[in-house]
Amino acid sequence: MVNIQAQFDKAVAIINNPANKTAIETSTDEKLQFYGAYKQANEGDYTNGKAPGTFDFTGKAKYNAWKKNEGLSKEQAQAIYVELFKSIIQKSEDEESKKFLEEVEQAGAQ
């Protein structure tokens, strides 16, 4: 059985490591997808009051990314994060990126 929590934790650690930024290239849309899934997995549905204002473009984009995951369980949001991570890594031709994929896969098998 796959341990999604372990895979999620490993993927988050890899993504958040500044040394890996050049090996893992993500678009703004992908970053927002990561953000939304991460927030849903760690905090659940958005309950911070009203949405950011119209001219808070960054805040609004983050809010919308989080709201797209509304209603998902912690495990579902973690699975989305891990699948997004895997899909980005699989597109990469960089050997270091392939190593990251193996690390996440191994974390889930333990």
PDB file of N, CA and C in Angstrom:
ATOM      1  N   MET A   1       0.835  -1.184   0.000  1.00  0.00           N
ATOM      2  CA  MET A   1       0.000   0.000   0.000  1.00  0.00           C
ATOM      3  C   MET A   1       0.884   1.253   0.000  1.00  0.00           C
ATOM      4  N   VAL A   2       0.506   2.229  -0.785  1.00  0.00           N
ATOM      5  CA  VAL A   2       1.284   3.456  -0.912  1.00  0.00           C
ATOM      6  C   VAL A   2       0.987   4.385   0.262  1.00  0.00           C
ATOM      7  N   ASN A   3       2.036   4.916   0.849  1.00  0.00           N
ATOM      8  CA  ASN A   3       1.912   5.872   1.944  1.00  0.00           C
ATOM      9  C   ASN A   3       1.913   7.273   1.341  1.00  0.00           C
ATOM     10  N   ILE A   4       0.707   7.823   1.105  1.00  0.00           N
ATOM     11  CA  ILE A   4       0.592   9.119   0.436  1.00  0.00           C
ATOM     12  C   ILE A   4       1.165  10.234   1.299  1.00  0.00           C
ATOM     13  N   GLN A   5       1.031  10.121   2.619  1.00  0.00           N
ATOM     14  CA  GLN A   5       1.590  11.150   3.513  1.00  0.00           C
ATOM     15  C   GLN A   5       3.106  11.242   3.335  1.00  0.00           C
ATOM     16  N   ALA A   6       3.773  10.096   3.275  1.00  0.00           N
ATOM     17  CA  ALA A   6       5.231  10.080   3.109  1.00  0.00           C
ATOM     18  C   ALA A   6       5.634  10.644   1.745  1.00  0.00           C
ATOM     19  N   GLN A   7       4.885  10.293   0.702  1.00  0.00           N
ATOM     20  CA  GLN A   7       5.180  10.822  -0.631  1.00  0.00           C
ATOM     21  C   GLN A   7       4.969  12.334  -0.658  1.00  0.00           C
ATOM     22  N   PHE A   8       3.884  12.787  -0.061  1.00  0.00           N
ATOM     23  CA  PHE A   8       3.578  14.214   0.003  1.00  0.00           C
ATOM     24  C   PHE A   8       4.695  14.962   0.729  1.00  0.00           C
ATOM     25  N   ASP A   9       5.075  14.470   1.900  1.00  0.00           N
ATOM     26  CA  ASP A   9       6.132  15.116   2.685  1.00  0.00           C
ATOM     27  C   ASP A   9       7.434  15.203   1.899  1.00  0.00           C
ATOM     28  N   LYS A  10       7.785  14.139   1.204  1.00  0.00           N
ATOM     29  CA  LYS A  10       9.022  14.111   0.419  1.00  0.00           C
ATOM     30  C   LYS A  10       8.932  15.088  -0.757  1.00  0.00           C
ATOM     31  N   ALA A  11       7.805  15.096  -1.463  1.00  0.00           N
ATOM     32  CA  ALA A  11       7.627  16.010  -2.596  1.00  0.00           C
ATOM     33  C   ALA A  11       7.692  17.465  -2.137  1.00  0.00           C
ATOM     34  N   VAL A  12       7.060  17.773  -1.011  1.00  0.00           N
ATOM     35  CA  VAL A  12       7.097  19.136  -0.470  1.00  0.00           C
ATOM     36  C   VAL A  12       8.535  19.523  -0.128  1.00  0.00           C
ATOM     37  N   ALA A  13       9.262  18.626   0.508  1.00  0.00           N
ATOM     38  CA  ALA A  13      10.652  18.910   0.875  1.00  0.00           C
ATOM     39  C   ALA A  13      11.512  19.172  -0.365  1.00  0.00           C
ATOM     40  N   ILE A  14      11.300  18.401  -1.407  1.00  0.00           N
ATOM     41  CA  ILE A  14      12.073  18.580  -2.641  1.00  0.00           C
ATOM     42  C   ILE A  14      11.727  19.913  -3.296  1.00  0.00           C
ATOM     43  N   ILE A  15      10.441  20.212  -3.404  1.00  0.00           N
ATOM     44  CA  ILE A  15       9.994  21.459  -4.031  1.00  0.00           C
ATOM     45  C   ILE A  15      10.490  22.675  -3.252  1.00  0.00           C
ATOM     46  N   ASN A  16      10.463  22.609  -1.927  1.00  0.00           N
ATOM     47  CA  ASN A  16      10.828  23.758  -1.095  1.00  0.00           C
ATOM     48  C   ASN A  16      12.330  23.947  -0.914  1.00  0.00           C
ATOM     49  N   ASN A  17      13.133  23.008  -1.386  1.00  0.00           N
ATOM     50  CA  ASN A  17      14.581  23.127  -1.260  1.00  0.00           C
ATOM     51  C   ASN A  17      15.096  24.072  -2.348  1.00  0.00           C
ATOM     52  N   PRO A  18      15.631  25.232  -1.961  1.00  0.00           N
ATOM     53  CA  PRO A  18      16.099  26.204  -2.966  1.00  0.00           C
ATOM     54  C   PRO A  18      17.147  25.639  -3.927  1.00  0.00           C
ATOM     55  N   ALA A  19      17.909  24.664  -3.499  1.00  0.00           N
ATOM     56  CA  ALA A  19      18.933  24.068  -4.361  1.00  0.00           C
ATOM     57  C   ALA A  19      18.324  23.321  -5.546  1.00  0.00           C
ATOM     58  N   ASN A  20      17.049  22.961  -5.453  1.00  0.00           N
ATOM     59  CA  ASN A  20      16.394  22.186  -6.512  1.00  0.00           C
ATOM     60  C   ASN A  20      15.648  23.046  -7.524  1.00  0.00           C
ATOM     61  N   LYS A  21      15.643  24.347  -7.353  1.00  0.00           N
ATOM     62  CA  LYS A  21      14.848  25.229  -8.213  1.00  0.00           C
ATOM     63  C   LYS A  21      15.231  25.120  -9.682  1.00  0.00           C
ATOM     64  N   THR A  22      16.498  24.913  -9.980  1.00  0.00           N
ATOM     65  CA  THR A  22      16.902  24.828 -11.385  1.00  0.00           C
ATOM     66  C   THR A  22      16.561  23.477 -11.998  1.00  0.00           C
ATOM     67  N   ALA A  23      16.488  22.442 -11.182  1.00  0.00           N
ATOM     68  CA  ALA A  23      16.183  21.104 -11.693  1.00  0.00           C
ATOM     69  C   ALA A  23      14.688  20.919 -11.925  1.00  0.00           C
ATOM     70  N   ILE A  24      13.871  21.665 -11.184  1.00  0.00           N
ATOM     71  CA  ILE A  24      12.418  21.526 -11.290  1.00  0.00           C
ATOM     72  C   ILE A  24      11.841  22.846 -11.787  1.00  0.00           C
ATOM     73  N   GLU A  25      11.509  22.881 -13.054  1.00  0.00           N
ATOM     74  CA  GLU A  25      10.941  24.087 -13.642  1.00  0.00           C
ATOM     75  C   GLU A  25       9.427  23.976 -13.651  1.00  0.00           C
ATOM     76  N   THR A  26       8.773  24.985 -13.074  1.00  0.00           N
ATOM     77  CA  THR A  26       7.315  24.990 -13.028  1.00  0.00           C
ATOM     78  C   THR A  26       6.783  26.309 -13.564  1.00  0.00           C
ATOM     79  N   SER A  27       5.641  26.237 -14.205  1.00  0.00           N
ATOM     80  CA  SER A  27       4.972  27.437 -14.690  1.00  0.00           C
ATOM     81  C   SER A  27       4.232  28.094 -13.525  1.00  0.00           C
ATOM     82  N   THR A  28       3.759  29.292 -13.738  1.00  0.00           N
ATOM     83  CA  THR A  28       2.970  29.978 -12.713  1.00  0.00           C
ATOM     84  C   THR A  28       1.718  29.176 -12.393  1.00  0.00           C
ATOM     85  N   ASP A  29       1.085  28.625 -13.404  1.00  0.00           N
ATOM     86  CA  ASP A  29      -0.118  27.823 -13.189  1.00  0.00           C
ATOM     87  C   ASP A  29       0.186  26.593 -12.335  1.00  0.00           C
ATOM     88  N   GLU A  30       1.300  25.941 -12.614  1.00  0.00           N
ATOM     89  CA  GLU A  30       1.682  24.763 -11.825  1.00  0.00           C
ATOM     90  C   GLU A  30       1.998  25.149 -10.382  1.00  0.00           C
ATOM     91  N   LYS A  31       2.657  26.283 -10.195  1.00  0.00           N
ATOM     92  CA  LYS A  31       2.944  26.760  -8.839  1.00  0.00           C
ATOM     93  C   LYS A  31       1.645  27.000  -8.078  1.00  0.00           C
ATOM     94  N   LEU A  32       0.667  27.573  -8.745  1.00  0.00           N
ATOM     95  CA  LEU A  32      -0.627  27.815  -8.103  1.00  0.00           C
ATOM     96  C   LEU A  32      -1.343  26.504  -7.789  1.00  0.00           C
ATOM     97  N   GLN A  33      -1.220  25.521  -8.667  1.00  0.00           N
ATOM     98  CA  GLN A  33      -1.813  24.212  -8.388  1.00  0.00           C
ATOM     99  C   GLN A  33      -1.162  23.576  -7.165  1.00  0.00           C
ATOM    100  N   PHE A  34       0.161  23.673  -7.077  1.00  0.00           N
ATOM    101  CA  PHE A  34       0.871  23.181  -5.893  1.00  0.00           C
ATOM    102  C   PHE A  34       0.368  23.903  -4.644  1.00  0.00           C
ATOM    103  N   TYR A  35       0.272  25.216  -4.740  1.00  0.00           N
ATOM    104  CA  TYR A  35      -0.166  26.025  -3.604  1.00  0.00           C
ATOM    105  C   TYR A  35      -1.551  25.598  -3.129  1.00  0.00           C
ATOM    106  N   GLY A  36      -2.483  25.491  -4.062  1.00  0.00           N
ATOM    107  CA  GLY A  36      -3.852  25.133  -3.704  1.00  0.00           C
ATOM    108  C   GLY A  36      -3.955  23.765  -3.063  1.00  0.00           C
ATOM    109  N   ALA A  37      -3.263  22.791  -3.625  1.00  0.00           N
ATOM    110  CA  ALA A  37      -3.293  21.435  -3.061  1.00  0.00           C
ATOM    111  C   ALA A  37      -2.607  21.401  -1.700  1.00  0.00           C
ATOM    112  N   TYR A  38      -1.498  22.130  -1.562  1.00  0.00           N
ATOM    113  CA  TYR A  38      -0.767  22.173  -0.294  1.00  0.00           C
ATOM    114  C   TYR A  38      -1.632  22.782   0.810  1.00  0.00           C
ATOM    115  N   LYS A  39      -2.252  23.915   0.509  1.00  0.00           N
ATOM    116  CA  LYS A  39      -3.086  24.584   1.515  1.00  0.00           C
ATOM    117  C   LYS A  39      -4.276  23.712   1.913  1.00  0.00           C
ATOM    118  N   GLN A  40      -4.896  23.061   0.942  1.00  0.00           N
ATOM    119  CA  GLN A  40      -6.036  22.192   1.244  1.00  0.00           C
ATOM    120  C   GLN A  40      -5.587  21.010   2.094  1.00  0.00           C
ATOM    121  N   ALA A  41      -4.440  20.445   1.786  1.00  0.00           N
ATOM    122  CA  ALA A  41      -3.929  19.294   2.537  1.00  0.00           C
ATOM    123  C   ALA A  41      -3.578  19.667   3.970  1.00  0.00           C
ATOM    124  N   ASN A  42      -3.072  20.873   4.166  1.00  0.00           N
ATOM    125  CA  ASN A  42      -2.604  21.269   5.491  1.00  0.00           C
ATOM    126  C   ASN A  42      -3.612  22.055   6.317  1.00  0.00           C
ATOM    127  N   GLU A  43      -4.525  22.769   5.665  1.00  0.00           N
ATOM    128  CA  GLU A  43      -5.458  23.615   6.403  1.00  0.00           C
ATOM    129  C   GLU A  43      -6.925  23.305   6.130  1.00  0.00           C
ATOM    130  N   GLY A  44      -7.199  22.509   5.118  1.00  0.00           N
ATOM    131  CA  GLY A  44      -8.589  22.217   4.779  1.00  0.00           C
ATOM    132  C   GLY A  44      -9.210  23.362   3.999  1.00  0.00           C
ATOM    133  N   ASP A  45     -10.531  23.411   3.979  1.00  0.00           N
ATOM    134  CA  ASP A  45     -11.238  24.439   3.217  1.00  0.00           C
ATOM    135  C   ASP A  45     -10.880  25.845   3.703  1.00  0.00           C
ATOM    136  N   TYR A  46     -10.886  26.792   2.771  1.00  0.00           N
ATOM    137  CA  TYR A  46     -10.582  28.194   3.065  1.00  0.00           C
ATOM    138  C   TYR A  46     -11.626  28.756   4.016  1.00  0.00           C
ATOM    139  N   THR A  47     -11.176  29.252   5.156  1.00  0.00           N
ATOM    140  CA  THR A  47     -12.098  29.821   6.153  1.00  0.00           C
ATOM    141  C   THR A  47     -11.582  31.153   6.685  1.00  0.00           C
ATOM    142  N   ASN A  48     -10.767  31.831   5.923  1.00  0.00           N
ATOM    143  CA  ASN A  48     -10.139  33.070   6.383  1.00  0.00           C
ATOM    144  C   ASN A  48     -10.974  34.308   6.099  1.00  0.00           C
ATOM    145  N   GLY A  49     -12.273  34.165   6.051  1.00  0.00           N
ATOM    146  CA  GLY A  49     -13.122  35.320   5.784  1.00  0.00           C
ATOM    147  C   GLY A  49     -13.348  35.519   4.305  1.00  0.00           C
ATOM    148  N   LYS A  50     -13.453  36.796   3.927  1.00  0.00           N
ATOM    149  CA  LYS A  50     -13.757  37.090   2.528  1.00  0.00           C
ATOM    150  C   LYS A  50     -12.533  36.938   1.632  1.00  0.00           C
ATOM    151  N   ALA A  51     -12.812  36.870   0.358  1.00  0.00           N
ATOM    152  CA  ALA A  51     -11.757  36.711  -0.647  1.00  0.00           C
ATOM    153  C   ALA A  51     -10.930  37.990  -0.751  1.00  0.00           C
ATOM    154  N   PRO A  52      -9.690  37.886  -1.224  1.00  0.00           N
ATOM    155  CA  PRO A  52      -8.866  39.081  -1.436  1.00  0.00           C
ATOM    156  C   PRO A  52      -9.541  40.031  -2.420  1.00  0.00           C
ATOM    157  N   GLY A  53      -9.186  41.292  -2.324  1.00  0.00           N
ATOM    158  CA  GLY A  53      -9.772  42.315  -3.178  1.00  0.00           C
ATOM    159  C   GLY A  53      -9.425  42.145  -4.648  1.00  0.00           C
ATOM    160  N   THR A  54     -10.168  42.832  -5.474  1.00  0.00           N
ATOM    161  CA  THR A  54     -10.025  42.749  -6.921  1.00  0.00           C
ATOM    162  C   THR A  54      -8.623  43.106  -7.395  1.00  0.00           C
ATOM    163  N   PHE A  55      -7.987  44.065  -6.740  1.00  0.00           N
ATOM    164  CA  PHE A  55      -6.674  44.523  -7.192  1.00  0.00           C
ATOM    165  C   PHE A  55      -5.513  43.819  -6.497  1.00  0.00           C
ATOM    166  N   ASP A  56      -5.822  42.856  -5.662  1.00  0.00           N
ATOM    167  CA  ASP A  56      -4.786  42.010  -5.050  1.00  0.00           C
ATOM    168  C   ASP A  56      -4.640  40.783  -5.947  1.00  0.00           C
ATOM    169  N   PHE A  57      -3.932  40.959  -7.046  1.00  0.00           N
ATOM    170  CA  PHE A  57      -3.855  39.919  -8.070  1.00  0.00           C
ATOM    171  C   PHE A  57      -3.207  38.635  -7.562  1.00  0.00           C
ATOM    172  N   THR A  58      -2.125  38.765  -6.820  1.00  0.00           N
ATOM    173  CA  THR A  58      -1.445  37.582  -6.286  1.00  0.00           C
ATOM    174  C   THR A  58      -2.324  36.880  -5.266  1.00  0.00           C
ATOM    175  N   GLY A  59      -2.878  37.654  -4.345  1.00  0.00           N
ATOM    176  CA  GLY A  59      -3.758  37.077  -3.327  1.00  0.00           C
ATOM    177  C   GLY A  59      -4.972  36.399  -3.941  1.00  0.00           C
ATOM    178  N   LYS A  60      -5.537  37.021  -4.957  1.00  0.00           N
ATOM    179  CA  LYS A  60      -6.711  36.465  -5.634  1.00  0.00           C
ATOM    180  C   LYS A  60      -6.357  35.156  -6.347  1.00  0.00           C
ATOM    181  N   ALA A  61      -5.199  35.118  -6.997  1.00  0.00           N
ATOM    182  CA  ALA A  61      -4.772  33.895  -7.696  1.00  0.00           C
ATOM    183  C   ALA A  61      -4.573  32.757  -6.702  1.00  0.00           C
ATOM    184  N   LYS A  62      -3.947  33.052  -5.565  1.00  0.00           N
ATOM    185  CA  LYS A  62      -3.739  32.029  -4.539  1.00  0.00           C
ATOM    186  C   LYS A  62      -5.072  31.568  -3.959  1.00  0.00           C
ATOM    187  N   TYR A  63      -5.951  32.519  -3.692  1.00  0.00           N
ATOM    188  CA  TYR A  63      -7.280  32.200  -3.164  1.00  0.00           C
ATOM    189  C   TYR A  63      -8.023  31.267  -4.124  1.00  0.00           C
ATOM    190  N   ASN A  64      -8.026  31.607  -5.404  1.00  0.00           N
ATOM    191  CA  ASN A  64      -8.721  30.780  -6.400  1.00  0.00           C
ATOM    192  C   ASN A  64      -8.110  29.386  -6.502  1.00  0.00           C
ATOM    193  N   ALA A  65      -6.777  29.307  -6.406  1.00  0.00           N
ATOM    194  CA  ALA A  65      -6.103  28.000  -6.458  1.00  0.00           C
ATOM    195  C   ALA A  65      -6.522  27.137  -5.275  1.00  0.00           C
ATOM    196  N   TRP A  66      -6.623  27.737  -4.110  1.00  0.00           N
ATOM    197  CA  TRP A  66      -7.030  27.002  -2.911  1.00  0.00           C
ATOM    198  C   TRP A  66      -8.496  26.586  -3.020  1.00  0.00           C
ATOM    199  N   LYS A  67      -9.351  27.515  -3.458  1.00  0.00           N
ATOM    200  CA  LYS A  67     -10.789  27.234  -3.562  1.00  0.00           C
ATOM    201  C   LYS A  67     -11.091  26.115  -4.560  1.00  0.00           C
ATOM    202  N   LYS A  68     -10.241  25.927  -5.555  1.00  0.00           N
ATOM    203  CA  LYS A  68     -10.452  24.843  -6.526  1.00  0.00           C
ATOM    204  C   LYS A  68     -10.403  23.474  -5.855  1.00  0.00           C
ATOM    205  N   ASN A  69      -9.764  23.400  -4.704  1.00  0.00           N
ATOM    206  CA  ASN A  69      -9.628  22.137  -3.976  1.00  0.00           C
ATOM    207  C   ASN A  69     -10.621  22.010  -2.825  1.00  0.00           C
ATOM    208  N   GLU A  70     -11.525  22.951  -2.728  1.00  0.00           N
ATOM    209  CA  GLU A  70     -12.495  22.955  -1.631  1.00  0.00           C
ATOM    210  C   GLU A  70     -13.286  21.644  -1.596  1.00  0.00           C
ATOM    211  N   GLY A  71     -13.436  21.119  -0.394  1.00  0.00           N
ATOM    212  CA  GLY A  71     -14.198  19.891  -0.214  1.00  0.00           C
ATOM    213  C   GLY A  71     -13.364  18.627  -0.286  1.00  0.00           C
ATOM    214  N   LEU A  72     -12.116  18.742  -0.732  1.00  0.00           N
ATOM    215  CA  LEU A  72     -11.254  17.564  -0.794  1.00  0.00           C
ATOM    216  C   LEU A  72     -10.732  17.224   0.595  1.00  0.00           C
ATOM    217  N   SER A  73     -10.571  15.947   0.838  1.00  0.00           N
ATOM    218  CA  SER A  73      -9.970  15.510   2.098  1.00  0.00           C
ATOM    219  C   SER A  73      -8.470  15.797   2.056  1.00  0.00           C
ATOM    220  N   LYS A  74      -7.841  15.705   3.208  1.00  0.00           N
ATOM    221  CA  LYS A  74      -6.391  15.879   3.304  1.00  0.00           C
ATOM    222  C   LYS A  74      -5.678  14.920   2.356  1.00  0.00           C
ATOM    223  N   GLU A  75      -6.096  13.660   2.369  1.00  0.00           N
ATOM    224  CA  GLU A  75      -5.452  12.642   1.544  1.00  0.00           C
ATOM    225  C   GLU A  75      -5.651  12.905   0.055  1.00  0.00           C
ATOM    226  N   GLN A  76      -6.842  13.356  -0.324  1.00  0.00           N
ATOM    227  CA  GLN A  76      -7.101  13.665  -1.733  1.00  0.00           C
ATOM    228  C   GLN A  76      -6.215  14.822  -2.205  1.00  0.00           C
ATOM    229  N   ALA A  77      -6.104  15.854  -1.381  1.00  0.00           N
ATOM    230  CA  ALA A  77      -5.265  17.004  -1.738  1.00  0.00           C
ATOM    231  C   ALA A  77      -3.794  16.602  -1.812  1.00  0.00           C
ATOM    232  N   GLN A  78      -3.357  15.749  -0.892  1.00  0.00           N
ATOM    233  CA  GLN A  78      -1.977  15.262  -0.931  1.00  0.00           C
ATOM    234  C   GLN A  78      -1.728  14.470  -2.212  1.00  0.00           C
ATOM    235  N   ALA A  79      -2.680  13.649  -2.589  1.00  0.00           N
ATOM    236  CA  ALA A  79      -2.545  12.846  -3.809  1.00  0.00           C
ATOM    237  C   ALA A  79      -2.450  13.743  -5.041  1.00  0.00           C
ATOM    238  N   ILE A  80      -3.225  14.811  -5.082  1.00  0.00           N
ATOM    239  CA  ILE A  80      -3.162  15.758  -6.198  1.00  0.00           C
ATOM    240  C   ILE A  80      -1.780  16.398  -6.267  1.00  0.00           C
ATOM    241  N   TYR A  81      -1.262  16.795  -5.118  1.00  0.00           N
ATOM    242  CA  TYR A  81       0.071  17.404  -5.050  1.00  0.00           C
ATOM    243  C   TYR A  81       1.128  16.439  -5.578  1.00  0.00           C
ATOM    244  N   VAL A  82       1.077  15.209  -5.100  1.00  0.00           N
ATOM    245  CA  VAL A  82       2.064  14.199  -5.501  1.00  0.00           C
ATOM    246  C   VAL A  82       1.953  13.900  -6.996  1.00  0.00           C
ATOM    247  N   GLU A  83       0.745  13.778  -7.512  1.00  0.00           N
ATOM    248  CA  GLU A  83       0.565  13.499  -8.944  1.00  0.00           C
ATOM    249  C   GLU A  83       1.065  14.654  -9.805  1.00  0.00           C
ATOM    250  N   LEU A  84       0.823  15.884  -9.363  1.00  0.00           N
ATOM    251  CA  LEU A  84       1.339  17.044 -10.095  1.00  0.00           C
ATOM    252  C   LEU A  84       2.866  17.018 -10.094  1.00  0.00           C
ATOM    253  N   PHE A  85       3.449  16.733  -8.940  1.00  0.00           N
ATOM    254  CA  PHE A  85       4.903  16.625  -8.824  1.00  0.00           C
ATOM    255  C   PHE A  85       5.436  15.578  -9.803  1.00  0.00           C
ATOM    256  N   LYS A  86       4.831  14.404  -9.791  1.00  0.00           N
ATOM    257  CA  LYS A  86       5.286  13.322 -10.673  1.00  0.00           C
ATOM    258  C   LYS A  86       5.158  13.700 -12.146  1.00  0.00           C
ATOM    259  N   SER A  87       4.062  14.341 -12.517  1.00  0.00           N
ATOM    260  CA  SER A  87       3.857  14.691 -13.929  1.00  0.00           C
ATOM    261  C   SER A  87       4.893  15.709 -14.401  1.00  0.00           C
ATOM    262  N   ILE A  88       5.265  16.638 -13.539  1.00  0.00           N
ATOM    263  CA  ILE A  88       6.280  17.630 -13.902  1.00  0.00           C
ATOM    264  C   ILE A  88       7.646  16.966 -14.033  1.00  0.00           C
ATOM    265  N   ILE A  89       7.975  16.109 -13.089  1.00  0.00           N
ATOM    266  CA  ILE A  89       9.271  15.430 -13.103  1.00  0.00           C
ATOM    267  C   ILE A  89       9.383  14.500 -14.314  1.00  0.00           C
ATOM    268  N   GLN A  90       8.306  13.807 -14.645  1.00  0.00           N
ATOM    269  CA  GLN A  90       8.339  12.872 -15.772  1.00  0.00           C
ATOM    270  C   GLN A  90       8.560  13.585 -17.100  1.00  0.00           C
ATOM    271  N   LYS A  91       8.182  14.856 -17.196  1.00  0.00           N
ATOM    272  CA  LYS A  91       8.399  15.630 -18.415  1.00  0.00           C
ATOM    273  C   LYS A  91       9.848  16.096 -18.541  1.00  0.00           C
ATOM    274  N   SER A  92      10.541  16.114 -17.422  1.00  0.00           N
ATOM    275  CA  SER A  92      11.920  16.605 -17.400  1.00  0.00           C
ATOM    276  C   SER A  92      12.877  15.559 -17.963  1.00  0.00           C
ATOM    277  N   GLU A  93      13.907  16.044 -18.618  1.00  0.00           N
ATOM    278  CA  GLU A  93      14.939  15.144 -19.134  1.00  0.00           C
ATOM    279  C   GLU A  93      16.183  15.190 -18.257  1.00  0.00           C
ATOM    280  N   ASP A  94      16.115  15.953 -17.193  1.00  0.00           N
ATOM    281  CA  ASP A  94      17.233  16.128 -16.276  1.00  0.00           C
ATOM    282  C   ASP A  94      17.377  14.912 -15.363  1.00  0.00           C
ATOM    283  N   GLU A  95      18.581  14.396 -15.245  1.00  0.00           N
ATOM    284  CA  GLU A  95      18.825  13.203 -14.420  1.00  0.00           C
ATOM    285  C   GLU A  95      18.553  13.458 -12.940  1.00  0.00           C
ATOM    286  N   GLU A  96      18.855  14.666 -12.478  1.00  0.00           N
ATOM    287  CA  GLU A  96      18.595  15.000 -11.078  1.00  0.00           C
ATOM    288  C   GLU A  96      17.096  14.938 -10.780  1.00  0.00           C
ATOM    289  N   SER A  97      16.297  15.384 -11.725  1.00  0.00           N
ATOM    290  CA  SER A  97      14.846  15.326 -11.557  1.00  0.00           C
ATOM    291  C   SER A  97      14.359  13.890 -11.446  1.00  0.00           C
ATOM    292  N   LYS A  98      14.927  13.011 -12.248  1.00  0.00           N
ATOM    293  CA  LYS A  98      14.550  11.592 -12.192  1.00  0.00           C
ATOM    294  C   LYS A  98      14.860  11.009 -10.814  1.00  0.00           C
ATOM    295  N   LYS A  99      15.950  11.476 -10.205  1.00  0.00           N
ATOM    296  CA  LYS A  99      16.320  11.039  -8.860  1.00  0.00           C
ATOM    297  C   LYS A  99      15.234  11.459  -7.856  1.00  0.00           C
ATOM    298  N   PHE A 100      14.686  12.658  -8.039  1.00  0.00           N
ATOM    299  CA  PHE A 100      13.625  13.136  -7.151  1.00  0.00           C
ATOM    300  C   PHE A 100      12.391  12.238  -7.241  1.00  0.00           C
ATOM    301  N   LEU A 101      12.073  11.815  -8.457  1.00  0.00           N
ATOM    302  CA  LEU A 101      10.925  10.931  -8.653  1.00  0.00           C
ATOM    303  C   LEU A 101      11.132   9.622  -7.900  1.00  0.00           C
ATOM    304  N   GLU A 102      12.322   9.064  -7.997  1.00  0.00           N
ATOM    305  CA  GLU A 102      12.638   7.823  -7.278  1.00  0.00           C
ATOM    306  C   GLU A 102      12.510   8.013  -5.771  1.00  0.00           C
ATOM    307  N   GLU A 103      12.965   9.155  -5.262  1.00  0.00           N
ATOM    308  CA  GLU A 103      12.887   9.429  -3.825  1.00  0.00           C
ATOM    309  C   GLU A 103      11.439   9.466  -3.347  1.00  0.00           C
ATOM    310  N   VAL A 104      10.572  10.095  -4.131  1.00  0.00           N
ATOM    311  CA  VAL A 104       9.155  10.176  -3.758  1.00  0.00           C
ATOM    312  C   VAL A 104       8.511   8.799  -3.822  1.00  0.00           C
ATOM    313  N   GLU A 105       8.818   8.048  -4.868  1.00  0.00           N
ATOM    314  CA  GLU A 105       8.273   6.694  -5.002  1.00  0.00           C
ATOM    315  C   GLU A 105       8.709   5.817  -3.829  1.00  0.00           C
ATOM    316  N   GLN A 106       9.989   5.890  -3.472  1.00  0.00           N
ATOM    317  CA  GLN A 106      10.511   5.084  -2.367  1.00  0.00           C
ATOM    318  C   GLN A 106       9.901   5.498  -1.034  1.00  0.00           C
ATOM    319  N   ALA A 107       9.670   6.787  -0.848  1.00  0.00           N
ATOM    320  CA  ALA A 107       9.063   7.259   0.400  1.00  0.00           C
ATOM    321  C   ALA A 107       7.673   6.658   0.584  1.00  0.00           C
ATOM    322  N   GLY A 108       6.945   6.512  -0.504  1.00  0.00           N
ATOM    323  CA  GLY A 108       5.599   5.954  -0.435  1.00  0.00           C
ATOM    324  C   GLY A 108       5.559   4.463  -0.221  1.00  0.00           C
ATOM    325  N   ALA A 109       6.660   3.790  -0.502  1.00  0.00           N
ATOM    326  CA  ALA A 109       6.710   2.328  -0.367  1.00  0.00           C
ATOM    327  C   ALA A 109       7.093   1.888   1.045  1.00  0.00           C
ATOM    328  N   GLN A 110       7.515   2.813   1.855  1.00  0.00           N
ATOM    329  CA  GLN A 110       7.971   2.459   3.207  1.00  0.00           C
ATOM    330  C   GLN A 110       6.833   2.368   4.184  1.00  0.00           C
TER     331      GLN A 110
END
